[in-house]
Amino acid sequence: DEERIVLEMLTSMKRAGASLIITYFAKDVSKYLNK
């Protein structure tokens, strides 16, 4: 499931201390979060 994988990847980056995340999935993530 692409949605679950992408959200987990971004969550783990944030947990690791990233303050800025640039990704090719930005448009998709905005759709996932607006559900």
C-alpha atoms as a PDB file:
ATOM      1  CA  ASP A   1       0.000   0.000   0.000  1.00  0.00           C
ATOM      2  CA  GLU A   2       1.802   3.104  -1.275  1.00  0.00           C
ATOM      3  CA  GLU A   3      -0.035   5.525   1.011  1.00  0.00           C
ATOM      4  CA  ARG A   4       0.958   3.652   4.160  1.00  0.00           C
ATOM      5  CA  ILE A   5       4.581   3.281   3.039  1.00  0.00           C
ATOM      6  CA  VAL A   6       4.996   6.956   2.140  1.00  0.00           C
ATOM      7  CA  LEU A   7       3.417   8.176   5.382  1.00  0.00           C
ATOM      8  CA  GLU A   8       5.584   5.801   7.441  1.00  0.00           C
ATOM      9  CA  MET A   9       8.706   6.977   5.596  1.00  0.00           C
ATOM     10  CA  LEU A  10       7.897  10.628   6.309  1.00  0.00           C
ATOM     11  CA  THR A  11       7.005   9.894   9.933  1.00  0.00           C
ATOM     12  CA  SER A  12      10.327   8.123  10.492  1.00  0.00           C
ATOM     13  CA  MET A  13      12.237  11.035   8.935  1.00  0.00           C
ATOM     14  CA  LYS A  14      10.455  13.445  11.280  1.00  0.00           C
ATOM     15  CA  ARG A  15      11.174  11.197  14.283  1.00  0.00           C
ATOM     16  CA  ALA A  16      14.840  11.154  13.286  1.00  0.00           C
ATOM     17  CA  GLY A  17      14.928  14.939  13.635  1.00  0.00           C
ATOM     18  CA  ALA A  18      14.317  16.311  10.142  1.00  0.00           C
ATOM     19  CA  SER A  19      12.916  19.836  10.190  1.00  0.00           C
ATOM     20  CA  LEU A  20      12.378  19.971   6.409  1.00  0.00           C
ATOM     21  CA  ILE A  21      11.414  17.102   4.140  1.00  0.00           C
ATOM     22  CA  ILE A  22      11.475  17.467   0.352  1.00  0.00           C
ATOM     23  CA  THR A  23       9.943  14.561  -1.550  1.00  0.00           C
ATOM     24  CA  TYR A  24       8.518  13.603  -4.922  1.00  0.00           C
ATOM     25  CA  PHE A  25       5.436  12.431  -3.026  1.00  0.00           C
ATOM     26  CA  ALA A  26       4.480  15.931  -1.793  1.00  0.00           C
ATOM     27  CA  LYS A  27       1.269  16.173  -3.848  1.00  0.00           C
ATOM     28  CA  ASP A  28       0.215  12.653  -2.880  1.00  0.00           C
ATOM     29  CA  VAL A  29       0.929  13.280   0.809  1.00  0.00           C
ATOM     30  CA  SER A  30      -1.218  16.409   0.778  1.00  0.00           C
ATOM     31  CA  LYS A  31      -4.092  14.327  -0.624  1.00  0.00           C
ATOM     32  CA  TYR A  32      -3.568  11.614   2.013  1.00  0.00           C
ATOM     33  CA  LEU A  33      -3.574  14.142   4.850  1.00  0.00           C
ATOM     34  CA  ASN A  34      -6.696  15.921   3.584  1.00  0.00           C
ATOM     35  CA  LYS A  35      -8.757  12.700   3.631  1.00  0.00           C
END
